[in-house]
């Protein structure tokens, strides 16, 4: 029994005539009649009652019609779903974000836009630090992750920058440097003026790139920073600054966090401090859904950069 037998049988059943079914199928009537007889021999009972004019379904044929139509519908649906998966418009995709990446304006816009454009894709979203997310991508537990700076250039992973923004100095609102800057009506301050302060940073293993950038910037302006605390997430970092525990650096998009308690300023003597937004994926992944998501993220990143300019 082949699918063509089912399609021929359904065509005859729907039209009630071998002649009409043959015309609809674009074949001759004798081969069609032979195919239906072969099917009847296969199932072991007659599916049609042959009448002087046309045919009528037997009791077994009526039940067989329901099942045959259901099978053909499932086959058609399978072709559609497989095509969607092949083109990346259906399937599943697991995405990870660091806390600082998820606050970037691209994150909600990207997820919303992608879901609207690809309703057949099921998204799962998780959060972690850059090190943990990179490990999860390498292990195949995540398809893609949004991080700031790569933790390490490990083999098997590829990194693509889709956005960039400055790193801002984060100071308690009552800090003398912050007070002086506010009185002057400016947001530019000097990193070297914080040489005597305690710094709060995301742990080096979790965000090695940004951690190292700050250390280098401090050395460049003449001091070695005193690290008072290392935390697991950037949001905790800002919360401790708001509580007066110390000072820090954060991506510019985080200046909305604890805005009443934290002063965010540009380090005029450390212009190299920047916070890129990278996506990390496995090299050689054959997932069409992932390829479509990466292309969408790149497009959104370019559009966001043009809007910012």
C-alpha atoms as a PDB file:
ATOM      1  CA  UNK A   1       0.000   0.000   0.000  1.00  0.00           C
ATOM      2  CA  UNK A   2       1.408   3.380  -1.017  1.00  0.00           C
ATOM      3  CA  UNK A   3       0.259   6.953  -0.550  1.00  0.00           C
ATOM      4  CA  UNK A   4      -0.837   7.118  -4.165  1.00  0.00           C
ATOM      5  CA  UNK A   5      -3.307   4.298  -3.492  1.00  0.00           C
ATOM      6  CA  UNK A   6      -4.839   6.356  -0.703  1.00  0.00           C
ATOM      7  CA  UNK A   7      -4.967   9.501  -2.826  1.00  0.00           C
ATOM      8  CA  UNK A   8      -6.636   7.648  -5.706  1.00  0.00           C
ATOM      9  CA  UNK A   9      -9.145   6.034  -3.362  1.00  0.00           C
ATOM     10  CA  UNK A  10     -10.023   9.371  -1.721  1.00  0.00           C
ATOM     11  CA  UNK A  11     -10.429  11.033  -5.133  1.00  0.00           C
ATOM     12  CA  UNK A  12     -12.909   8.354  -6.266  1.00  0.00           C
ATOM     13  CA  UNK A  13     -14.775   8.468  -2.953  1.00  0.00           C
ATOM     14  CA  UNK A  14     -15.138  12.248  -3.050  1.00  0.00           C
ATOM     15  CA  UNK A  15     -16.259  12.393  -6.686  1.00  0.00           C
ATOM     16  CA  UNK A  16     -18.429   9.234  -6.600  1.00  0.00           C
ATOM     17  CA  UNK A  17     -17.157   8.275 -10.035  1.00  0.00           C
ATOM     18  CA  UNK A  18     -14.046   6.702 -11.522  1.00  0.00           C
ATOM     19  CA  UNK A  19     -14.473   8.854 -14.625  1.00  0.00           C
ATOM     20  CA  UNK A  20     -14.651  12.146 -12.691  1.00  0.00           C
ATOM     21  CA  UNK A  21     -11.805  11.128 -10.367  1.00  0.00           C
ATOM     22  CA  UNK A  22      -9.563  10.218 -13.311  1.00  0.00           C
ATOM     23  CA  UNK A  23     -10.235  13.574 -14.940  1.00  0.00           C
ATOM     24  CA  UNK A  24      -9.427  15.393 -11.699  1.00  0.00           C
ATOM     25  CA  UNK A  25      -6.221  13.433 -11.219  1.00  0.00           C
ATOM     26  CA  UNK A  26      -5.144  13.879 -14.827  1.00  0.00           C
ATOM     27  CA  UNK A  27      -4.829  10.136 -15.533  1.00  0.00           C
ATOM     28  CA  UNK A  28      -6.729   7.583 -17.582  1.00  0.00           C
ATOM     29  CA  UNK A  29      -9.639   5.703 -16.038  1.00  0.00           C
ATOM     30  CA  UNK A  30      -8.346   2.115 -16.562  1.00  0.00           C
ATOM     31  CA  UNK A  31      -5.110   2.647 -14.581  1.00  0.00           C
ATOM     32  CA  UNK A  32      -7.114   4.352 -11.818  1.00  0.00           C
ATOM     33  CA  UNK A  33      -9.579   1.447 -11.641  1.00  0.00           C
ATOM     34  CA  UNK A  34      -6.659  -0.991 -11.480  1.00  0.00           C
ATOM     35  CA  UNK A  35      -4.993   0.936  -8.626  1.00  0.00           C
ATOM     36  CA  UNK A  36      -8.220   0.873  -6.592  1.00  0.00           C
ATOM     37  CA  UNK A  37      -8.665  -2.884  -7.245  1.00  0.00           C
ATOM     38  CA  UNK A  38      -5.071  -3.403  -6.047  1.00  0.00           C
ATOM     39  CA  UNK A  39      -5.903  -1.486  -2.867  1.00  0.00           C
ATOM     40  CA  UNK A  40      -9.041  -3.556  -2.285  1.00  0.00           C
ATOM     41  CA  UNK A  41      -7.010  -6.756  -2.657  1.00  0.00           C
ATOM     42  CA  UNK A  42      -4.486  -5.352  -0.171  1.00  0.00           C
ATOM     43  CA  UNK A  43      -7.088  -4.555   2.518  1.00  0.00           C
ATOM     44  CA  UNK A  44      -9.044  -7.745   1.826  1.00  0.00           C
ATOM     45  CA  UNK A  45     -12.528  -6.351   1.250  1.00  0.00           C
ATOM     46  CA  UNK A  46     -14.373  -4.134  -1.290  1.00  0.00           C
ATOM     47  CA  UNK A  47     -14.228  -0.407  -0.646  1.00  0.00           C
ATOM     48  CA  UNK A  48     -16.780   0.544  -3.287  1.00  0.00           C
ATOM     49  CA  UNK A  49     -20.043  -0.799  -4.542  1.00  0.00           C
ATOM     50  CA  UNK A  50     -19.995  -0.430  -8.309  1.00  0.00           C
ATOM     51  CA  UNK A  51     -23.288   1.046  -9.543  1.00  0.00           C
ATOM     52  CA  UNK A  52     -24.645   1.498 -13.082  1.00  0.00           C
ATOM     53  CA  UNK A  53     -23.722   5.152 -12.723  1.00  0.00           C
ATOM     54  CA  UNK A  54     -20.804   5.795 -10.408  1.00  0.00           C
ATOM     55  CA  UNK A  55     -19.820   4.135  -7.146  1.00  0.00           C
ATOM     56  CA  UNK A  56     -20.884   4.154  -3.489  1.00  0.00           C
ATOM     57  CA  UNK A  57     -18.752   3.433  -0.434  1.00  0.00           C
ATOM     58  CA  UNK A  58     -19.244   0.162   1.354  1.00  0.00           C
ATOM     59  CA  UNK A  59     -19.410   0.144   5.162  1.00  0.00           C
ATOM     60  CA  UNK A  60     -15.705  -0.731   5.289  1.00  0.00           C
ATOM     61  CA  UNK A  61     -14.953   1.868   2.636  1.00  0.00           C
ATOM     62  CA  UNK A  62     -16.630   4.642   4.654  1.00  0.00           C
ATOM     63  CA  UNK A  63     -14.433   3.916   7.670  1.00  0.00           C
ATOM     64  CA  UNK A  64     -11.346   3.542   5.474  1.00  0.00           C
ATOM     65  CA  UNK A  65     -12.069   6.958   3.926  1.00  0.00           C
ATOM     66  CA  UNK A  66     -11.925   8.666   7.336  1.00  0.00           C
ATOM     67  CA  UNK A  67      -8.578   7.057   8.131  1.00  0.00           C
ATOM     68  CA  UNK A  68      -7.129   7.675   4.672  1.00  0.00           C
ATOM     69  CA  UNK A  69      -8.033  11.377   4.799  1.00  0.00           C
ATOM     70  CA  UNK A  70      -6.469  11.661   8.261  1.00  0.00           C
ATOM     71  CA  UNK A  71      -3.254   9.964   7.050  1.00  0.00           C
ATOM     72  CA  UNK A  72      -2.979  12.229   4.008  1.00  0.00           C
ATOM     73  CA  UNK A  73      -3.623  15.301   6.149  1.00  0.00           C
ATOM     74  CA  UNK A  74      -0.843  14.236   8.529  1.00  0.00           C
ATOM     75  CA  UNK A  75       1.533  13.723   5.615  1.00  0.00           C
ATOM     76  CA  UNK A  76       0.742  17.173   4.223  1.00  0.00           C
ATOM     77  CA  UNK A  77       1.218  18.711   7.672  1.00  0.00           C
ATOM     78  CA  UNK A  78       4.542  16.885   8.050  1.00  0.00           C
ATOM     79  CA  UNK A  79       5.771  18.348   4.764  1.00  0.00           C
ATOM     80  CA  UNK A  80       4.834  21.861   5.902  1.00  0.00           C
ATOM     81  CA  UNK A  81       6.394  21.491   9.364  1.00  0.00           C
ATOM     82  CA  UNK A  82       9.558  19.920   7.990  1.00  0.00           C
ATOM     83  CA  UNK A  83       9.858  22.761   5.501  1.00  0.00           C
ATOM     84  CA  UNK A  84       9.486  25.304   8.275  1.00  0.00           C
ATOM     85  CA  UNK A  85      12.200  23.574  10.281  1.00  0.00           C
ATOM     86  CA  UNK A  86      14.482  23.419   7.242  1.00  0.00           C
ATOM     87  CA  UNK A  87      14.061  27.158   6.716  1.00  0.00           C
ATOM     88  CA  UNK A  88      14.393  28.019  10.407  1.00  0.00           C
ATOM     89  CA  UNK A  89      10.792  29.215  10.873  1.00  0.00           C
ATOM     90  CA  UNK A  90       9.827  26.400  13.260  1.00  0.00           C
ATOM     91  CA  UNK A  91      11.506  24.440  16.020  1.00  0.00           C
ATOM     92  CA  UNK A  92      13.027  25.357  19.370  1.00  0.00           C
ATOM     93  CA  UNK A  93      15.776  27.777  20.346  1.00  0.00           C
ATOM     94  CA  UNK A  94      17.415  28.266  23.745  1.00  0.00           C
ATOM     95  CA  UNK A  95      18.864  31.728  24.423  1.00  0.00           C
ATOM     96  CA  UNK A  96      20.940  32.960  27.369  1.00  0.00           C
ATOM     97  CA  UNK A  97      21.566  36.526  28.557  1.00  0.00           C
ATOM     98  CA  UNK A  98      23.872  38.058  31.125  1.00  0.00           C
ATOM     99  CA  UNK A  99      22.119  40.519  33.451  1.00  0.00           C
ATOM    100  CA  UNK A 100      23.797  43.486  31.800  1.00  0.00           C
ATOM    101  CA  UNK A 101      22.996  42.207  28.294  1.00  0.00           C
ATOM    102  CA  UNK A 102      19.313  41.671  29.061  1.00  0.00           C
ATOM    103  CA  UNK A 103      18.956  45.327  30.130  1.00  0.00           C
ATOM    104  CA  UNK A 104      20.290  46.579  26.801  1.00  0.00           C
ATOM    105  CA  UNK A 105      17.480  48.025  24.682  1.00  0.00           C
ATOM    106  CA  UNK A 106      18.157  45.413  22.003  1.00  0.00           C
ATOM    107  CA  UNK A 107      17.129  42.506  24.233  1.00  0.00           C
ATOM    108  CA  UNK A 108      13.355  43.104  24.513  1.00  0.00           C
ATOM    109  CA  UNK A 109      13.154  44.513  20.983  1.00  0.00           C
ATOM    110  CA  UNK A 110      14.967  41.487  19.590  1.00  0.00           C
ATOM    111  CA  UNK A 111      12.871  38.905  21.440  1.00  0.00           C
ATOM    112  CA  UNK A 112       9.608  40.674  20.602  1.00  0.00           C
ATOM    113  CA  UNK A 113      10.492  41.169  16.940  1.00  0.00           C
ATOM    114  CA  UNK A 114      11.749  37.625  16.482  1.00  0.00           C
ATOM    115  CA  UNK A 115       8.682  36.068  18.103  1.00  0.00           C
ATOM    116  CA  UNK A 116       6.380  38.148  15.907  1.00  0.00           C
ATOM    117  CA  UNK A 117       8.289  37.217  12.746  1.00  0.00           C
ATOM    118  CA  UNK A 118       8.690  33.525  13.688  1.00  0.00           C
ATOM    119  CA  UNK A 119       5.614  32.379  15.646  1.00  0.00           C
ATOM    120  CA  UNK A 120       6.446  28.749  14.907  1.00  0.00           C
ATOM    121  CA  UNK A 121       9.677  28.861  16.930  1.00  0.00           C
ATOM    122  CA  UNK A 122       9.500  28.074  20.637  1.00  0.00           C
ATOM    123  CA  UNK A 123      11.964  30.268  22.561  1.00  0.00           C
ATOM    124  CA  UNK A 124      13.377  29.423  25.966  1.00  0.00           C
ATOM    125  CA  UNK A 125      15.349  32.156  27.733  1.00  0.00           C
ATOM    126  CA  UNK A 126      17.791  31.844  30.624  1.00  0.00           C
ATOM    127  CA  UNK A 127      20.250  34.054  32.518  1.00  0.00           C
ATOM    128  CA  UNK A 128      23.764  33.642  33.873  1.00  0.00           C
ATOM    129  CA  UNK A 129      27.211  35.181  33.847  1.00  0.00           C
ATOM    130  CA  UNK A 130      29.353  35.238  30.720  1.00  0.00           C
ATOM    131  CA  UNK A 131      31.502  32.286  31.796  1.00  0.00           C
ATOM    132  CA  UNK A 132      28.562  30.019  32.622  1.00  0.00           C
ATOM    133  CA  UNK A 133      26.674  30.942  29.462  1.00  0.00           C
ATOM    134  CA  UNK A 134      29.719  30.346  27.262  1.00  0.00           C
ATOM    135  CA  UNK A 135      30.197  26.916  28.857  1.00  0.00           C
ATOM    136  CA  UNK A 136      26.519  26.110  28.271  1.00  0.00           C
ATOM    137  CA  UNK A 137      26.787  27.041  24.594  1.00  0.00           C
ATOM    138  CA  UNK A 138      29.964  24.959  24.206  1.00  0.00           C
ATOM    139  CA  UNK A 139      28.242  21.982  25.846  1.00  0.00           C
ATOM    140  CA  UNK A 140      25.161  22.274  23.628  1.00  0.00           C
ATOM    141  CA  UNK A 141      22.883  23.198  26.533  1.00  0.00           C
ATOM    142  CA  UNK A 142      22.224  26.603  24.939  1.00  0.00           C
ATOM    143  CA  UNK A 143      21.991  27.484  21.269  1.00  0.00           C
ATOM    144  CA  UNK A 144      23.123  31.091  21.679  1.00  0.00           C
ATOM    145  CA  UNK A 145      24.076  33.529  24.434  1.00  0.00           C
ATOM    146  CA  UNK A 146      24.274  37.308  24.690  1.00  0.00           C
ATOM    147  CA  UNK A 147      27.279  38.429  26.703  1.00  0.00           C
ATOM    148  CA  UNK A 148      29.447  41.526  26.940  1.00  0.00           C
ATOM    149  CA  UNK A 149      33.091  40.634  26.385  1.00  0.00           C
ATOM    150  CA  UNK A 150      34.202  37.064  25.637  1.00  0.00           C
ATOM    151  CA  UNK A 151      35.507  35.330  28.742  1.00  0.00           C
ATOM    152  CA  UNK A 152      38.166  33.549  26.673  1.00  0.00           C
ATOM    153  CA  UNK A 153      38.687  32.794  23.020  1.00  0.00           C
ATOM    154  CA  UNK A 154      37.939  29.111  23.473  1.00  0.00           C
ATOM    155  CA  UNK A 155      37.896  26.743  20.522  1.00  0.00           C
ATOM    156  CA  UNK A 156      34.539  25.648  19.168  1.00  0.00           C
ATOM    157  CA  UNK A 157      32.837  28.980  19.834  1.00  0.00           C
ATOM    158  CA  UNK A 158      32.408  32.030  17.663  1.00  0.00           C
ATOM    159  CA  UNK A 159      31.696  35.567  18.850  1.00  0.00           C
ATOM    160  CA  UNK A 160      29.938  38.323  16.945  1.00  0.00           C
ATOM    161  CA  UNK A 161      29.604  41.905  18.205  1.00  0.00           C
ATOM    162  CA  UNK A 162      26.166  43.362  17.402  1.00  0.00           C
ATOM    163  CA  UNK A 163      26.277  46.534  19.530  1.00  0.00           C
ATOM    164  CA  UNK A 164      28.647  48.695  21.539  1.00  0.00           C
ATOM    165  CA  UNK A 165      28.198  51.298  24.261  1.00  0.00           C
ATOM    166  CA  UNK A 166      30.451  53.093  26.762  1.00  0.00           C
ATOM    167  CA  UNK A 167      31.206  51.829  30.239  1.00  0.00           C
ATOM    168  CA  UNK A 168      30.074  54.393  32.794  1.00  0.00           C
ATOM    169  CA  UNK A 169      31.476  55.036  36.244  1.00  0.00           C
ATOM    170  CA  UNK A 170      28.834  54.264  38.873  1.00  0.00           C
ATOM    171  CA  UNK A 171      29.124  56.213  42.145  1.00  0.00           C
ATOM    172  CA  UNK A 172      26.847  56.570  45.157  1.00  0.00           C
ATOM    173  CA  UNK A 173      24.785  59.721  44.690  1.00  0.00           C
ATOM    174  CA  UNK A 174      26.418  61.342  47.730  1.00  0.00           C
ATOM    175  CA  UNK A 175      29.986  60.650  46.612  1.00  0.00           C
ATOM    176  CA  UNK A 176      32.066  63.896  46.538  1.00  0.00           C
ATOM    177  CA  UNK A 177      32.982  63.397  42.878  1.00  0.00           C
ATOM    178  CA  UNK A 178      29.311  62.879  42.008  1.00  0.00           C
ATOM    179  CA  UNK A 179      28.214  65.900  44.015  1.00  0.00           C
ATOM    180  CA  UNK A 180      30.811  68.111  42.344  1.00  0.00           C
ATOM    181  CA  UNK A 181      29.809  66.897  38.874  1.00  0.00           C
ATOM    182  CA  UNK A 182      26.101  67.481  39.541  1.00  0.00           C
ATOM    183  CA  UNK A 183      26.740  70.986  40.799  1.00  0.00           C
ATOM    184  CA  UNK A 184      28.684  71.737  37.633  1.00  0.00           C
ATOM    185  CA  UNK A 185      25.879  70.238  35.535  1.00  0.00           C
ATOM    186  CA  UNK A 186      28.097  67.712  33.818  1.00  0.00           C
ATOM    187  CA  UNK A 187      28.355  63.953  33.588  1.00  0.00           C
ATOM    188  CA  UNK A 188      32.074  63.737  32.778  1.00  0.00           C
ATOM    189  CA  UNK A 189      34.318  62.755  35.677  1.00  0.00           C
ATOM    190  CA  UNK A 190      37.854  61.402  35.984  1.00  0.00           C
ATOM    191  CA  UNK A 191      38.682  57.822  36.818  1.00  0.00           C
ATOM    192  CA  UNK A 192      41.867  58.943  38.603  1.00  0.00           C
ATOM    193  CA  UNK A 193      39.704  60.856  41.120  1.00  0.00           C
ATOM    194  CA  UNK A 194      38.482  57.459  42.391  1.00  0.00           C
ATOM    195  CA  UNK A 195      41.953  56.155  43.231  1.00  0.00           C
ATOM    196  CA  UNK A 196      41.138  56.091  46.936  1.00  0.00           C
ATOM    197  CA  UNK A 197      37.779  54.354  46.570  1.00  0.00           C
ATOM    198  CA  UNK A 198      36.837  50.730  46.950  1.00  0.00           C
ATOM    199  CA  UNK A 199      35.668  49.099  43.711  1.00  0.00           C
ATOM    200  CA  UNK A 200      32.875  46.572  43.285  1.00  0.00           C
ATOM    201  CA  UNK A 201      33.172  44.364  40.218  1.00  0.00           C
ATOM    202  CA  UNK A 202      31.552  41.324  38.697  1.00  0.00           C
ATOM    203  CA  UNK A 203      33.812  38.372  39.459  1.00  0.00           C
ATOM    204  CA  UNK A 204      36.772  37.975  37.142  1.00  0.00           C
ATOM    205  CA  UNK A 205      35.862  34.353  36.169  1.00  0.00           C
ATOM    206  CA  UNK A 206      32.343  35.462  35.254  1.00  0.00           C
ATOM    207  CA  UNK A 207      33.185  38.640  33.343  1.00  0.00           C
ATOM    208  CA  UNK A 208      36.901  38.521  32.753  1.00  0.00           C
ATOM    209  CA  UNK A 209      36.888  40.994  29.866  1.00  0.00           C
ATOM    210  CA  UNK A 210      35.198  43.905  31.609  1.00  0.00           C
ATOM    211  CA  UNK A 211      37.065  43.185  34.849  1.00  0.00           C
ATOM    212  CA  UNK A 212      40.400  43.294  33.060  1.00  0.00           C
ATOM    213  CA  UNK A 213      39.479  46.439  31.105  1.00  0.00           C
ATOM    214  CA  UNK A 214      38.895  48.381  34.310  1.00  0.00           C
ATOM    215  CA  UNK A 215      42.140  47.188  35.907  1.00  0.00           C
ATOM    216  CA  UNK A 216      44.088  48.277  32.819  1.00  0.00           C
ATOM    217  CA  UNK A 217      42.319  51.650  32.698  1.00  0.00           C
ATOM    218  CA  UNK A 218      43.143  52.324  36.365  1.00  0.00           C
ATOM    219  CA  UNK A 219      46.779  51.433  35.831  1.00  0.00           C
ATOM    220  CA  UNK A 220      46.874  53.744  32.793  1.00  0.00           C
ATOM    221  CA  UNK A 221      45.796  56.739  34.920  1.00  0.00           C
ATOM    222  CA  UNK A 222      48.239  55.941  37.715  1.00  0.00           C
ATOM    223  CA  UNK A 223      46.726  53.689  40.375  1.00  0.00           C
ATOM    224  CA  UNK A 224      45.912  50.085  41.193  1.00  0.00           C
ATOM    225  CA  UNK A 225      42.243  49.746  42.172  1.00  0.00           C
ATOM    226  CA  UNK A 226      41.313  48.305  45.546  1.00  0.00           C
ATOM    227  CA  UNK A 227      38.661  45.620  44.990  1.00  0.00           C
ATOM    228  CA  UNK A 228      36.237  45.635  47.913  1.00  0.00           C
ATOM    229  CA  UNK A 229      33.825  43.036  46.569  1.00  0.00           C
ATOM    230  CA  UNK A 230      33.289  40.719  43.652  1.00  0.00           C
ATOM    231  CA  UNK A 231      29.690  39.775  42.863  1.00  0.00           C
ATOM    232  CA  UNK A 232      28.016  37.309  40.544  1.00  0.00           C
ATOM    233  CA  UNK A 233      25.689  39.625  38.633  1.00  0.00           C
ATOM    234  CA  UNK A 234      25.876  43.204  37.374  1.00  0.00           C
ATOM    235  CA  UNK A 235      22.559  44.090  39.027  1.00  0.00           C
ATOM    236  CA  UNK A 236      24.006  43.165  42.423  1.00  0.00           C
ATOM    237  CA  UNK A 237      26.979  45.310  41.549  1.00  0.00           C
ATOM    238  CA  UNK A 238      24.796  48.399  41.034  1.00  0.00           C
ATOM    239  CA  UNK A 239      22.756  47.661  44.158  1.00  0.00           C
ATOM    240  CA  UNK A 240      25.910  47.681  46.299  1.00  0.00           C
ATOM    241  CA  UNK A 241      26.953  50.995  44.736  1.00  0.00           C
ATOM    242  CA  UNK A 242      23.527  52.419  45.608  1.00  0.00           C
ATOM    243  CA  UNK A 243      24.050  51.186  49.165  1.00  0.00           C
ATOM    244  CA  UNK A 244      27.338  53.119  49.401  1.00  0.00           C
ATOM    245  CA  UNK A 245      29.615  50.074  49.572  1.00  0.00           C
ATOM    246  CA  UNK A 246      31.886  51.337  46.786  1.00  0.00           C
ATOM    247  CA  UNK A 247      32.121  52.479  43.165  1.00  0.00           C
ATOM    248  CA  UNK A 248      32.061  50.535  39.941  1.00  0.00           C
ATOM    249  CA  UNK A 249      31.747  50.600  36.147  1.00  0.00           C
ATOM    250  CA  UNK A 250      28.663  49.448  34.247  1.00  0.00           C
ATOM    251  CA  UNK A 251      27.406  49.521  30.631  1.00  0.00           C
ATOM    252  CA  UNK A 252      25.589  52.740  29.751  1.00  0.00           C
ATOM    253  CA  UNK A 253      22.254  50.958  29.292  1.00  0.00           C
ATOM    254  CA  UNK A 254      22.237  50.174  33.036  1.00  0.00           C
ATOM    255  CA  UNK A 255      22.036  53.829  34.057  1.00  0.00           C
ATOM    256  CA  UNK A 256      18.288  53.363  34.564  1.00  0.00           C
ATOM    257  CA  UNK A 257      18.969  50.993  37.497  1.00  0.00           C
ATOM    258  CA  UNK A 258      18.712  52.705  40.926  1.00  0.00           C
ATOM    259  CA  UNK A 259      18.843  56.029  39.100  1.00  0.00           C
ATOM    260  CA  UNK A 260      17.843  57.966  42.234  1.00  0.00           C
ATOM    261  CA  UNK A 261      20.709  56.530  44.265  1.00  0.00           C
ATOM    262  CA  UNK A 262      23.518  56.089  41.734  1.00  0.00           C
ATOM    263  CA  UNK A 263      25.379  58.743  39.743  1.00  0.00           C
ATOM    264  CA  UNK A 264      26.496  57.549  36.321  1.00  0.00           C
ATOM    265  CA  UNK A 265      29.365  59.415  34.714  1.00  0.00           C
ATOM    266  CA  UNK A 266      31.613  59.180  31.684  1.00  0.00           C
ATOM    267  CA  UNK A 267      35.305  58.634  32.512  1.00  0.00           C
ATOM    268  CA  UNK A 268      36.923  61.480  30.566  1.00  0.00           C
ATOM    269  CA  UNK A 269      40.428  60.104  31.158  1.00  0.00           C
ATOM    270  CA  UNK A 270      39.546  56.512  30.131  1.00  0.00           C
ATOM    271  CA  UNK A 271      37.838  56.732  26.731  1.00  0.00           C
ATOM    272  CA  UNK A 272      38.807  53.143  25.982  1.00  0.00           C
ATOM    273  CA  UNK A 273      36.272  51.794  28.480  1.00  0.00           C
ATOM    274  CA  UNK A 274      33.507  50.266  26.393  1.00  0.00           C
ATOM    275  CA  UNK A 275      30.898  47.543  26.720  1.00  0.00           C
ATOM    276  CA  UNK A 276      30.243  45.629  23.502  1.00  0.00           C
ATOM    277  CA  UNK A 277      27.284  43.282  23.193  1.00  0.00           C
ATOM    278  CA  UNK A 278      28.361  39.941  21.702  1.00  0.00           C
ATOM    279  CA  UNK A 279      26.487  36.848  20.672  1.00  0.00           C
ATOM    280  CA  UNK A 280      28.261  33.539  21.166  1.00  0.00           C
ATOM    281  CA  UNK A 281      27.384  30.366  19.247  1.00  0.00           C
ATOM    282  CA  UNK A 282      28.986  27.033  18.458  1.00  0.00           C
ATOM    283  CA  UNK A 283      31.069  26.868  15.306  1.00  0.00           C
ATOM    284  CA  UNK A 284      29.509  24.658  12.656  1.00  0.00           C
ATOM    285  CA  UNK A 285      26.013  24.466  14.135  1.00  0.00           C
ATOM    286  CA  UNK A 286      23.647  23.237  11.450  1.00  0.00           C
ATOM    287  CA  UNK A 287      20.507  24.541  13.176  1.00  0.00           C
ATOM    288  CA  UNK A 288      18.570  26.635  10.601  1.00  0.00           C
ATOM    289  CA  UNK A 289      16.539  28.242  13.399  1.00  0.00           C
ATOM    290  CA  UNK A 290      19.753  29.448  15.034  1.00  0.00           C
ATOM    291  CA  UNK A 291      21.080  30.799  11.725  1.00  0.00           C
ATOM    292  CA  UNK A 292      17.840  32.718  11.231  1.00  0.00           C
ATOM    293  CA  UNK A 293      18.011  34.117  14.784  1.00  0.00           C
ATOM    294  CA  UNK A 294      21.630  35.257  14.332  1.00  0.00           C
ATOM    295  CA  UNK A 295      20.749  36.992  11.069  1.00  0.00           C
ATOM    296  CA  UNK A 296      17.810  38.696  12.789  1.00  0.00           C
ATOM    297  CA  UNK A 297      20.030  39.807  15.698  1.00  0.00           C
ATOM    298  CA  UNK A 298      22.640  41.244  13.312  1.00  0.00           C
ATOM    299  CA  UNK A 299      19.940  43.159  11.447  1.00  0.00           C
ATOM    300  CA  UNK A 300      18.477  44.527  14.682  1.00  0.00           C
ATOM    301  CA  UNK A 301      21.944  45.532  15.875  1.00  0.00           C
ATOM    302  CA  UNK A 302      22.629  47.500  12.691  1.00  0.00           C
ATOM    303  CA  UNK A 303      19.224  49.196  12.876  1.00  0.00           C
ATOM    304  CA  UNK A 304      19.836  50.119  16.515  1.00  0.00           C
ATOM    305  CA  UNK A 305      23.248  51.615  15.683  1.00  0.00           C
ATOM    306  CA  UNK A 306      21.760  53.703  12.894  1.00  0.00           C
ATOM    307  CA  UNK A 307      19.011  54.953  15.216  1.00  0.00           C
ATOM    308  CA  UNK A 308      21.577  55.865  17.878  1.00  0.00           C
ATOM    309  CA  UNK A 309      23.619  57.859  15.359  1.00  0.00           C
END
